[in-house]
Amino acid sequence: MMITRRFGLMAAALAIAAALAPWTASAETTAPVPPVIDFALGPVDAKVKITEYASFTCPHCGDFHANVFKPLKTDYIDTGKVRFEHREVYFDRYGLWAAMMARCGGEMRYFGIIDILYATQREWAASEDPNVVVENLKKIGRTAGMDGGALDTCMTDLTKAEALVAHFEANMKADAIEGTPTLIINGTKHSNMSYADLRAIIDAELAK
């Protein structure tokens, strides 16, 4: 998915965060927001490091997750050859809400939750009614073991929403990201690709 609009840092944060209001009567943060981190799999000292920029509402990202990420995890991440970091891109409020729900489960649940988000993307994000989408996301959160109170707290945290958007914008600008999915492999940027092509790049890096 190509990125065709520009994001003003605080304006975008406030606009997307404010969109959380239609389905909640109160959206307050009672504790300081910790620094935003991007979750990762695989050993920190792996010879190959891959960063994926992806949106939970991007169909190409869903296809990548199903057809490329899954074998990548089996062949390279689980075997300790690759460190994989997932960086969220927010095209819309649905994608931001999905990220807030996924992050609510913490690092241990995050990748299991995003598996569900990508696999069921056409279902949970299909409605034009934001209330329906929120309920769909909460169902996914409950499936992952979170309770309703925790989900409400996470998904109505406006300060966290602003922090996520600011973090996203800083990353996008630093790496000059123009579309999703985009991969950065050992510092070199690549567009979407097949698993065969990705394997060739990884194997070449491992052979160095």
Protein backbone atom coordinates (compact mmCIF):
# COMPACT_ATOMS: atom_id res chain seq x y z
CA MET A 1 0.00 0.00 0.00
CA MET A 2 1.45 3.35 -1.02
CA ILE A 3 1.44 6.30 1.34
CA THR A 4 -0.01 9.26 -0.48
CA ARG A 5 -0.70 11.75 2.30
CA ARG A 6 1.55 13.74 4.58
CA PHE A 7 1.18 13.63 8.35
CA GLY A 8 1.71 16.71 10.52
CA LEU A 9 3.17 15.28 13.74
CA MET A 10 0.90 16.72 16.42
CA ALA A 11 -2.05 17.42 14.13
CA ALA A 12 -2.25 13.79 13.04
CA ALA A 13 -1.82 12.56 16.58
CA LEU A 14 -4.60 14.73 17.89
CA ALA A 15 -6.93 13.99 14.98
CA ILE A 16 -6.56 10.23 15.25
CA ALA A 17 -6.65 10.26 19.02
CA ALA A 18 -9.82 12.35 19.03
CA ALA A 19 -11.48 9.76 16.81
CA LEU A 20 -11.48 7.40 19.79
CA ALA A 21 -14.19 9.47 21.42
CA PRO A 22 -17.34 8.27 19.55
CA TRP A 23 -17.55 4.98 21.40
CA THR A 24 -16.43 6.00 24.89
CA ALA A 25 -17.79 8.47 27.37
CA SER A 26 -14.42 9.06 29.00
CA ALA A 27 -10.90 8.81 27.65
CA GLU A 28 -8.37 9.81 30.26
CA THR A 29 -4.83 8.76 31.03
CA THR A 30 -4.09 8.30 34.72
CA ALA A 31 -0.43 7.30 34.50
CA PRO A 32 2.61 8.51 32.55
CA VAL A 33 2.97 6.90 29.15
CA PRO A 34 6.15 4.82 28.85
CA PRO A 35 8.36 5.23 25.78
CA VAL A 36 6.97 3.50 22.69
CA ILE A 37 8.92 0.41 21.67
CA ASP A 38 8.66 -1.78 18.58
CA PHE A 39 8.29 -5.45 19.40
CA ALA A 40 10.70 -7.98 17.92
CA LEU A 41 11.38 -11.70 17.61
CA GLY A 42 14.70 -13.51 17.39
CA PRO A 43 18.06 -12.98 19.07
CA VAL A 44 19.39 -9.46 19.41
CA ASP A 45 22.77 -10.56 18.07
CA ALA A 46 21.40 -12.32 14.96
CA LYS A 47 23.54 -11.76 11.87
CA VAL A 48 20.53 -10.58 9.84
CA LYS A 49 18.19 -7.90 11.14
CA ILE A 50 14.88 -7.24 9.39
CA THR A 51 12.49 -4.40 10.13
CA GLU A 52 9.04 -4.54 8.56
CA TYR A 53 6.89 -1.42 8.21
CA ALA A 54 3.29 -2.59 8.01
CA SER A 55 -0.29 -1.45 8.53
CA PHE A 56 -2.97 -3.65 10.06
CA THR A 57 -5.44 -2.35 7.46
CA CYS A 58 -3.14 -2.90 4.46
CA PRO A 59 -4.19 -5.94 2.36
CA HIS A 60 -0.67 -6.39 0.98
CA CYS A 61 0.61 -6.55 4.57
CA GLY A 62 -1.93 -9.24 5.35
CA ASP A 63 -0.74 -11.25 2.35
CA PHE A 64 2.90 -10.74 3.36
CA HIS A 65 2.19 -11.97 6.87
CA ALA A 66 0.48 -15.11 5.60
CA ASN A 67 2.81 -16.00 2.75
CA VAL A 68 6.20 -14.59 3.74
CA PHE A 69 6.39 -13.93 7.47
CA LYS A 70 5.18 -17.37 8.54
CA PRO A 71 7.85 -19.35 6.66
CA LEU A 72 10.41 -16.67 7.56
CA LYS A 73 9.66 -17.24 11.24
CA THR A 74 9.99 -21.01 10.92
CA ASP A 75 13.13 -21.05 8.78
CA TYR A 76 15.11 -18.09 10.08
CA ILE A 77 13.67 -16.39 13.18
CA ASP A 78 12.98 -19.49 15.29
CA THR A 79 16.39 -20.89 14.31
CA GLY A 80 18.18 -17.78 15.57
CA LYS A 81 19.44 -16.53 12.22
CA VAL A 82 17.21 -13.45 11.95
CA ARG A 83 16.06 -10.70 14.29
CA PHE A 84 12.65 -9.43 13.09
CA GLU A 85 11.10 -6.14 14.22
CA HIS A 86 7.54 -5.11 13.40
CA ARG A 87 6.90 -1.36 13.03
CA GLU A 88 3.32 -0.17 12.81
CA VAL A 89 2.10 2.28 10.16
CA TYR A 90 -1.22 4.04 10.74
CA PHE A 91 -3.17 4.89 7.59
CA ASP A 92 -6.42 5.36 9.52
CA ARG A 93 -8.01 5.18 12.93
CA TYR A 94 -8.87 1.49 12.55
CA GLY A 95 -5.19 0.65 12.18
CA LEU A 96 -4.31 2.74 15.21
CA TRP A 97 -7.04 1.12 17.32
CA ALA A 98 -5.80 -2.33 16.27
CA ALA A 99 -2.28 -1.41 17.34
CA MET A 100 -3.47 -0.11 20.70
CA MET A 101 -5.39 -3.34 21.31
CA ALA A 102 -2.44 -5.53 20.25
CA ARG A 103 -0.03 -3.61 22.47
CA CYS A 104 -2.41 -3.94 25.40
CA GLY A 105 -1.43 -7.59 25.65
CA GLY A 106 2.24 -6.74 26.11
CA GLU A 107 5.25 -8.23 24.38
CA MET A 108 4.33 -11.83 25.19
CA ARG A 109 0.94 -11.64 23.43
CA TYR A 110 1.74 -9.11 20.70
CA PHE A 111 2.79 -11.38 17.84
CA GLY A 112 0.01 -13.85 18.52
CA ILE A 113 -2.51 -11.01 18.38
CA ILE A 114 -1.15 -9.55 15.15
CA ASP A 115 -1.35 -13.04 13.62
CA ILE A 116 -5.10 -12.84 14.24
CA LEU A 117 -5.36 -9.22 13.05
CA TYR A 118 -3.75 -9.99 9.71
CA ALA A 119 -5.55 -13.32 9.24
CA THR A 120 -8.98 -11.79 9.92
CA GLN A 121 -8.32 -8.34 8.46
CA ARG A 122 -11.22 -8.55 6.00
CA GLU A 123 -13.62 -9.33 8.84
CA TRP A 124 -12.74 -7.05 11.75
CA ALA A 125 -12.02 -3.94 9.59
CA ALA A 126 -14.86 -4.38 7.09
CA SER A 127 -17.50 -2.19 8.71
CA GLU A 128 -17.89 1.55 8.15
CA ASP A 129 -19.33 1.77 11.67
CA PRO A 130 -16.47 2.46 14.11
CA ASN A 131 -18.47 0.96 16.96
CA VAL A 132 -18.60 -2.37 15.14
CA VAL A 133 -14.86 -2.27 14.46
CA VAL A 134 -14.12 -1.52 18.11
CA GLU A 135 -16.24 -4.47 19.22
CA ASN A 136 -14.50 -6.69 16.68
CA LEU A 137 -11.12 -5.65 18.05
CA LYS A 138 -12.24 -6.22 21.62
CA LYS A 139 -13.34 -9.74 20.70
CA ILE A 140 -9.84 -10.42 19.39
CA GLY A 141 -8.39 -9.02 22.60
CA ARG A 142 -10.62 -11.22 24.73
CA THR A 143 -9.63 -14.23 22.62
CA ALA A 144 -6.02 -13.41 23.53
CA GLY A 145 -6.88 -13.47 27.22
CA MET A 146 -7.48 -9.80 28.04
CA ASP A 147 -10.49 -8.65 30.03
CA GLY A 148 -12.90 -5.90 29.06
CA GLY A 149 -11.62 -3.42 31.62
CA ALA A 150 -8.03 -3.68 30.44
CA LEU A 151 -9.12 -3.31 26.82
CA ASP A 152 -11.22 -0.23 27.58
CA THR A 153 -8.30 1.37 29.40
CA CYS A 154 -5.83 0.64 26.60
CA MET A 155 -8.09 1.67 23.75
CA THR A 156 -9.20 4.98 25.27
CA ASP A 157 -5.74 6.22 26.21
CA LEU A 158 -5.46 9.39 24.14
CA THR A 159 -1.96 10.22 25.37
CA LYS A 160 -0.75 6.79 24.27
CA ALA A 161 -2.45 7.28 20.89
CA GLU A 162 -0.57 10.54 20.39
CA ALA A 163 2.70 8.90 21.43
CA LEU A 164 2.17 6.05 18.97
CA VAL A 165 1.50 8.41 16.08
CA ALA A 166 4.52 10.55 16.97
CA HIS A 167 6.70 7.44 17.12
CA PHE A 168 5.32 6.20 13.80
CA GLU A 169 5.98 9.52 12.08
CA ALA A 170 9.53 9.75 13.40
CA ASN A 171 10.33 6.25 12.14
CA MET A 172 8.73 6.86 8.75
CA LYS A 173 10.68 10.07 8.25
CA ALA A 174 13.99 8.58 9.40
CA ASP A 175 13.72 5.62 7.02
CA ALA A 176 11.95 7.48 4.17
CA ILE A 177 9.14 4.94 4.02
CA GLU A 178 6.75 5.43 1.09
CA GLY A 179 4.57 2.32 1.20
CA THR A 180 3.73 -0.88 3.03
CA PRO A 181 4.97 -3.45 3.48
CA THR A 182 8.54 -2.17 3.36
CA LEU A 183 11.48 -4.19 4.65
CA ILE A 184 14.81 -2.93 5.89
CA ILE A 185 17.32 -5.78 5.80
CA ASN A 186 20.66 -5.07 7.46
CA GLY A 187 20.17 -1.38 6.72
CA THR A 188 19.04 -1.70 3.09
CA LYS A 189 15.45 -0.84 2.16
CA HIS A 190 13.38 -3.23 0.05
CA SER A 191 9.79 -3.16 -1.21
CA ASN A 192 7.31 -6.03 -0.90
CA MET A 193 8.65 -9.34 -2.23
CA SER A 194 8.04 -13.07 -2.41
CA TYR A 195 9.48 -15.47 0.14
CA ALA A 196 11.84 -16.89 -2.47
CA ASP A 197 13.30 -13.44 -3.11
CA LEU A 198 13.57 -12.72 0.61
CA ARG A 199 15.34 -16.03 1.22
CA ALA A 200 17.91 -15.17 -1.44
CA ILE A 201 18.69 -11.85 0.25
CA ILE A 202 18.89 -13.40 3.71
CA ASP A 203 21.12 -16.26 2.56
CA ALA A 204 23.44 -13.79 0.85
CA GLU A 205 23.70 -11.78 4.09
CA LEU A 206 24.33 -14.92 6.14
CA ALA A 207 27.11 -15.95 3.74
CA LYS A 208 29.08 -12.73 4.23
